Amino acid sequence: MKPLVSIITPSLNQGDYIEKTIKSVINQDYPNVEYFVIDGGSTDDTLNILKKYDSKIMWLSESDRGQAEAINKGIRLTKGEIVVWLNSDDTFLPGAIKKVVNCFLNHSKVKMVYGKSYFIDITDKIVGQYPTEPFDYQRLAAFNFICQPSAFFKRDAFFDIGELNPDLQYSLDYDLWIRIAKNFPIMYINQYLSNYRLHKASKTVSYVHALRSHKEGMDTALKHFNWAPINRVYGYCYHLIEPKLPEFIRKIRPLTLSLYLFISIFKYLQLNKGIRYQDIESFNPNALKKLFIQWNDFYTHY
């Protein structure tokens, strides 16, 4: 018995990449797959590409409220016991689905399986890897170590805890992982399953969206754990302040770091009503090194 795997791709004007996404699905060596692309009304070449694969995929194109609504709609349209969504600029690695299915078959109580993922650029060149970690529920508060295109979950668990929150734009996956983890066993497999693409149009690397992303992540952690970890508060405060500073001030790193830290500590105490022991533990040389990252250089690179 080979369980049906449902794959959903939400799409909007990703004609430059979606064909690679489709090929990475239909070329998998697992035989029992249904694949549905939910397009939000693309005006580029996306629809022509979807028509090209009419015989191998299912798709529809209509306006929606965003990514969460498109994914929820797609999951409702499918029937697979195992579900995953693959964004229209990401790709699966060969053999990914078979590895995940075997894991589910060997661990019947597990409701979610996730693996590792590479970062790739617009030319498909590997430029890094997502910092995935073995599962630790408490650690999930401070850092989303689960890479979305490498995360597969059971349909029954998804509907038991409720669908993706359509009010979330950046942390919809993070919110889902936490809700699944509260109720069901999750398993990590130490294998690469997907490629996560970074480019200028990606929500992940766009500086314009960074503030909202950090704010959502911080609020999501606070909602589920009753705790806003210091690294999340710092990320939010950094992106709140950095764009407002004059260029000559930004170059004075000791001054700007002191400013970011001061405001972050104030915000942290405001949100947490005190100091959490977990945040004291998190201070180490590696964590402090991250304070010196010039995030605007990262966004400009992509």
Protein backbone atom coordinates (compact mmCIF):
# COMPACT_ATOMS: atom_id res chain seq x y z
CA MET A 1 0.00 0.00 0.00
CA LYS A 2 1.48 3.33 -1.08
CA PRO A 3 -0.29 6.32 0.54
CA LEU A 4 -1.42 9.15 -1.71
CA VAL A 5 0.71 12.28 -1.38
CA SER A 6 -0.94 15.62 -2.17
CA ILE A 7 1.31 18.47 -3.30
CA ILE A 8 -0.01 22.02 -3.56
CA THR A 9 1.79 24.91 -5.21
CA PRO A 10 0.44 28.42 -4.55
CA SER A 11 1.44 30.69 -7.39
CA LEU A 12 1.31 34.30 -8.49
CA ASN A 13 3.44 35.66 -11.34
CA GLN A 14 6.31 33.22 -10.93
CA GLY A 15 6.65 32.34 -14.60
CA ASP A 16 10.44 32.51 -14.36
CA TYR A 17 10.59 29.60 -11.94
CA ILE A 18 7.36 27.61 -11.82
CA GLU A 19 8.28 25.20 -14.63
CA LYS A 20 11.30 24.04 -12.63
CA THR A 21 9.02 23.58 -9.63
CA ILE A 22 6.57 21.49 -11.67
CA LYS A 23 9.33 19.32 -13.16
CA SER A 24 10.76 18.63 -9.71
CA VAL A 25 7.38 17.19 -8.73
CA ILE A 26 6.40 15.18 -11.80
CA ASN A 27 9.91 13.67 -12.05
CA GLN A 28 9.77 12.17 -8.55
CA ASP A 29 10.18 8.39 -8.38
CA TYR A 30 7.18 7.91 -6.08
CA PRO A 31 4.14 6.72 -8.06
CA ASN A 32 1.15 7.82 -5.98
CA VAL A 33 1.07 11.63 -6.16
CA GLU A 34 -1.60 14.22 -6.94
CA TYR A 35 -0.37 17.69 -7.78
CA PHE A 36 -2.48 20.85 -7.72
CA VAL A 37 -1.30 24.37 -8.62
CA ILE A 38 -3.45 27.14 -7.13
CA ASP A 39 -2.73 30.29 -9.12
CA GLY A 40 -3.88 33.67 -7.82
CA GLY A 41 -4.54 35.17 -11.27
CA SER A 42 -1.08 35.50 -12.77
CA THR A 43 -0.56 37.98 -15.60
CA ASP A 44 2.86 36.73 -16.72
CA ASP A 45 3.69 33.49 -18.54
CA THR A 46 2.52 31.24 -15.70
CA LEU A 47 -0.78 30.15 -17.27
CA ASN A 48 0.90 29.14 -20.53
CA ILE A 49 3.28 26.96 -18.54
CA LEU A 50 0.44 25.38 -16.58
CA LYS A 51 -1.43 24.58 -19.80
CA LYS A 52 1.71 22.91 -21.12
CA TYR A 53 1.46 20.37 -18.26
CA ASP A 54 -2.32 19.88 -18.40
CA SER A 55 -2.02 16.12 -18.69
CA LYS A 56 0.20 15.77 -15.61
CA ILE A 57 -1.07 18.32 -13.12
CA MET A 58 -4.33 19.89 -11.94
CA TRP A 59 -4.60 23.65 -11.66
CA LEU A 60 -6.91 26.60 -11.36
CA SER A 61 -6.39 30.34 -11.63
CA GLU A 62 -8.53 32.83 -9.75
CA SER A 63 -8.01 35.74 -7.38
CA ASP A 64 -7.54 34.97 -3.69
CA ARG A 65 -6.60 36.67 -0.42
CA GLY A 66 -3.04 35.43 -0.48
CA GLN A 67 -0.80 32.45 0.07
CA ALA A 68 -2.54 30.95 3.10
CA GLU A 69 -5.95 31.00 1.43
CA ALA A 70 -4.51 29.45 -1.75
CA ILE A 71 -2.86 26.62 0.19
CA ASN A 72 -5.96 25.95 2.29
CA LYS A 73 -8.04 25.84 -0.88
CA GLY A 74 -5.61 23.44 -2.52
CA ILE A 75 -5.54 21.08 0.46
CA ARG A 76 -9.34 20.98 0.51
CA LEU A 77 -9.36 20.03 -3.19
CA THR A 78 -6.95 17.13 -2.71
CA LYS A 79 -7.35 13.77 -0.98
CA GLY A 80 -3.87 12.61 0.00
CA GLU A 81 -3.08 11.16 3.39
CA ILE A 82 0.25 13.04 3.30
CA VAL A 83 0.32 16.73 2.37
CA VAL A 84 2.99 19.29 1.49
CA TRP A 85 3.00 22.64 -0.24
CA LEU A 86 5.83 23.66 -2.53
CA ASN A 87 6.09 27.33 -3.41
CA SER A 88 6.33 28.24 -7.07
CA ASP A 89 10.02 29.16 -6.91
CA ASP A 90 11.23 26.18 -4.83
CA THR A 91 11.98 22.62 -5.96
CA PHE A 92 12.08 19.09 -4.59
CA LEU A 93 15.26 17.08 -4.78
CA PRO A 94 15.08 13.69 -6.53
CA GLY A 95 13.70 10.93 -4.31
CA ALA A 96 12.39 13.36 -1.66
CA ILE A 97 8.82 12.07 -1.57
CA LYS A 98 9.81 8.42 -1.35
CA LYS A 99 12.11 9.16 1.62
CA VAL A 100 9.34 10.95 3.47
CA VAL A 101 6.71 8.28 2.77
CA ASN A 102 9.03 5.55 4.01
CA CYS A 103 9.54 7.51 7.21
CA PHE A 104 5.80 7.84 7.78
CA LEU A 105 5.26 4.13 7.05
CA ASN A 106 7.95 3.16 9.56
CA HIS A 107 6.63 5.51 12.26
CA SER A 108 2.85 5.30 12.22
CA LYS A 109 2.26 7.71 15.12
CA VAL A 110 4.25 10.55 13.56
CA LYS A 111 2.12 13.30 12.03
CA MET A 112 4.84 15.48 10.52
CA VAL A 113 8.22 14.78 8.94
CA TYR A 114 10.79 17.38 7.95
CA GLY A 115 14.28 17.29 6.48
CA LYS A 116 17.05 19.57 5.26
CA SER A 117 17.05 22.12 2.44
CA TYR A 118 19.58 23.95 0.29
CA PHE A 119 19.44 27.66 -0.48
CA ILE A 120 19.71 28.26 -4.24
CA ASP A 121 19.91 31.43 -6.34
CA ILE A 122 18.16 32.37 -9.59
CA THR A 123 20.55 30.16 -11.59
CA ASP A 124 19.87 27.09 -9.37
CA LYS A 125 23.34 27.38 -7.84
CA ILE A 126 23.54 26.21 -4.22
CA VAL A 127 24.51 29.23 -2.10
CA GLY A 128 24.00 27.77 1.36
CA GLN A 129 21.78 25.57 3.44
CA TYR A 130 18.82 26.23 5.69
CA PRO A 131 19.90 25.94 9.36
CA THR A 132 17.73 22.93 10.11
CA GLU A 133 17.93 21.26 13.52
CA PRO A 134 16.56 18.11 15.16
CA PHE A 135 13.17 18.75 16.69
CA ASP A 136 12.98 20.57 20.02
CA TYR A 137 9.65 22.16 20.91
CA GLN A 138 11.06 24.77 23.28
CA ARG A 139 13.78 25.74 20.80
CA LEU A 140 11.06 26.40 18.21
CA ALA A 141 10.06 29.49 20.18
CA ALA A 142 13.34 31.22 19.40
CA PHE A 143 14.04 29.89 15.93
CA ASN A 144 12.04 28.31 13.12
CA PHE A 145 14.48 25.52 12.25
CA ILE A 146 11.88 23.73 10.07
CA CYS A 147 12.29 24.58 6.38
CA GLN A 148 8.85 24.75 4.79
CA PRO A 149 9.41 22.93 1.43
CA SER A 150 11.00 20.04 3.34
CA ALA A 151 8.07 19.66 5.76
CA PHE A 152 5.33 17.06 5.10
CA PHE A 153 2.33 16.48 7.37
CA LYS A 154 -0.69 14.22 7.69
CA ARG A 155 -4.04 15.48 6.42
CA ASP A 156 -5.91 14.46 9.57
CA ALA A 157 -3.53 16.44 11.77
CA PHE A 158 -3.92 19.52 9.57
CA PHE A 159 -7.69 19.55 9.87
CA ASP A 160 -7.65 18.56 13.54
CA ILE A 161 -5.68 21.68 14.53
CA GLY A 162 -7.21 24.04 11.95
CA GLU A 163 -6.03 25.30 8.59
CA LEU A 164 -3.35 27.90 7.88
CA ASN A 165 -4.14 31.28 9.40
CA PRO A 166 -5.05 33.57 6.44
CA ASP A 167 -4.18 36.64 8.51
CA LEU A 168 -0.51 35.65 8.50
CA GLN A 169 1.67 36.47 5.52
CA TYR A 170 5.18 35.59 6.69
CA SER A 171 4.88 33.19 9.63
CA LEU A 172 1.97 31.06 8.40
CA ASP A 173 4.20 27.98 8.26
CA TYR A 174 5.83 28.71 11.63
CA ASP A 175 2.41 29.06 13.24
CA LEU A 176 1.33 25.73 11.72
CA TRP A 177 4.44 23.86 12.91
CA ILE A 178 3.85 25.06 16.47
CA ARG A 179 0.19 24.02 16.45
CA ILE A 180 1.04 20.58 15.05
CA ALA A 181 3.86 20.16 17.59
CA LYS A 182 1.53 20.95 20.48
CA ASN A 183 -0.66 17.99 19.59
CA PHE A 184 1.30 15.39 17.62
CA PRO A 185 4.73 13.74 17.28
CA ILE A 186 7.12 15.30 14.74
CA MET A 187 10.15 13.58 13.25
CA TYR A 188 13.33 15.01 11.71
CA ILE A 189 15.20 13.11 9.00
CA ASN A 190 18.80 14.14 8.40
CA GLN A 191 18.53 14.24 4.59
CA TYR A 192 18.19 16.98 1.99
CA LEU A 193 14.71 17.09 0.47
CA SER A 194 14.33 20.45 -1.26
CA ASN A 195 15.85 23.62 -2.67
CA TYR A 196 14.71 26.95 -1.21
CA ARG A 197 15.19 29.74 -3.74
CA LEU A 198 16.41 33.19 -2.73
CA HIS A 199 15.87 36.10 -5.10
CA LYS A 200 14.83 39.75 -5.04
CA ALA A 201 11.10 39.00 -5.26
CA SER A 202 11.25 36.48 -2.40
CA LYS A 203 9.53 37.46 0.84
CA THR A 204 12.45 35.83 2.64
CA VAL A 205 15.12 38.25 1.43
CA SER A 206 13.28 41.46 0.61
CA TYR A 207 14.33 44.22 3.02
CA VAL A 208 10.97 45.93 2.40
CA HIS A 209 9.16 43.01 4.02
CA ALA A 210 11.72 42.23 6.71
CA LEU A 211 10.13 44.35 9.43
CA ARG A 212 6.72 42.73 8.99
CA SER A 213 8.29 39.28 8.89
CA HIS A 214 10.14 39.77 12.18
CA LYS A 215 7.07 41.32 13.77
CA GLU A 216 4.92 38.33 12.78
CA GLY A 217 7.49 35.83 14.02
CA MET A 218 7.83 37.64 17.34
CA ASP A 219 4.06 37.91 17.79
CA THR A 220 3.56 34.24 16.87
CA ALA A 221 6.10 33.09 19.46
CA LEU A 222 4.52 35.34 22.08
CA LYS A 223 1.06 33.97 21.29
CA HIS A 224 1.96 30.28 21.52
CA PHE A 225 4.76 30.27 24.12
CA ASN A 226 3.83 33.37 26.12
CA TRP A 227 7.41 34.40 25.47
CA ALA A 228 9.07 36.80 23.00
CA PRO A 229 12.66 35.48 22.75
CA ILE A 230 15.37 38.13 22.81
CA ASN A 231 16.68 37.24 19.34
CA ARG A 232 13.22 37.77 17.83
CA VAL A 233 12.80 41.08 19.64
CA TYR A 234 16.24 42.22 18.47
CA GLY A 235 15.46 41.26 14.86
CA TYR A 236 12.26 43.27 14.98
CA CYS A 237 13.85 46.32 16.60
CA TYR A 238 16.81 46.26 14.21
CA HIS A 239 14.56 46.37 11.16
CA LEU A 240 12.36 48.98 12.81
CA ILE A 241 15.25 51.38 13.43
CA GLU A 242 17.88 50.68 10.74
CA PRO A 243 16.04 52.18 7.71
CA LYS A 244 15.28 55.37 9.64
CA LEU A 245 18.91 56.17 10.48
CA PRO A 246 21.01 58.50 8.30
CA GLU A 247 23.67 56.71 6.30
CA PHE A 248 26.57 58.30 8.19
CA ILE A 249 25.11 57.07 11.49
CA ARG A 250 24.71 53.51 10.20
CA LYS A 251 28.44 53.35 9.52
CA ILE A 252 29.26 53.90 13.19
CA ARG A 253 28.65 50.32 14.23
CA PRO A 254 29.36 50.64 17.99
CA LEU A 255 26.81 53.45 18.18
CA THR A 256 24.10 51.69 16.15
CA LEU A 257 24.59 48.38 17.97
CA SER A 258 24.22 50.13 21.31
CA LEU A 259 21.04 51.78 20.07
CA TYR A 260 19.56 48.52 18.75
CA LEU A 261 20.40 46.69 21.97
CA PHE A 262 19.00 49.40 24.22
CA ILE A 263 15.68 49.56 22.39
CA SER A 264 15.53 45.75 22.11
CA ILE A 265 16.01 45.29 25.86
CA PHE A 266 13.31 47.88 26.58
CA LYS A 267 10.89 46.16 24.17
CA TYR A 268 11.81 42.71 25.52
CA LEU A 269 11.04 43.71 29.12
CA GLN A 270 7.82 45.33 27.99
CA LEU A 271 6.63 42.17 26.22
CA ASN A 272 7.84 39.57 28.73
CA LYS A 273 7.28 41.46 31.99
CA GLY A 274 10.72 40.35 33.11
CA ILE A 275 13.71 38.25 32.02
CA ARG A 276 13.37 34.64 30.89
CA TYR A 277 16.02 32.13 31.92
CA GLN A 278 16.12 30.72 28.36
CA ASP A 279 17.29 34.08 27.05
CA ILE A 280 20.11 34.28 29.57
CA GLU A 281 21.25 30.85 28.40
CA SER A 282 21.17 31.95 24.76
CA PHE A 283 23.91 34.56 25.17
CA ASN A 284 27.16 33.12 23.83
CA PRO A 285 29.96 34.23 21.48
CA ASN A 286 28.20 32.85 18.40
CA ALA A 287 25.01 34.74 19.21
CA LEU A 288 26.93 37.97 19.74
CA LYS A 289 28.68 37.61 16.37
CA LYS A 290 25.31 37.82 14.65
CA LEU A 291 24.88 41.34 15.97
CA PHE A 292 27.57 42.48 13.53
CA ILE A 293 25.80 41.17 10.43
CA GLN A 294 25.04 43.91 7.92
CA TRP A 295 21.58 42.72 6.95
CA ASN A 296 21.16 45.36 4.26
CA ASP A 297 24.17 43.85 2.43
CA PHE A 298 22.39 40.48 2.43
CA TYR A 299 19.21 41.94 0.93
CA THR A 300 21.19 43.89 -1.69
CA HIS A 301 23.03 40.73 -2.76
CA TYR A 302 19.75 39.15 -3.82
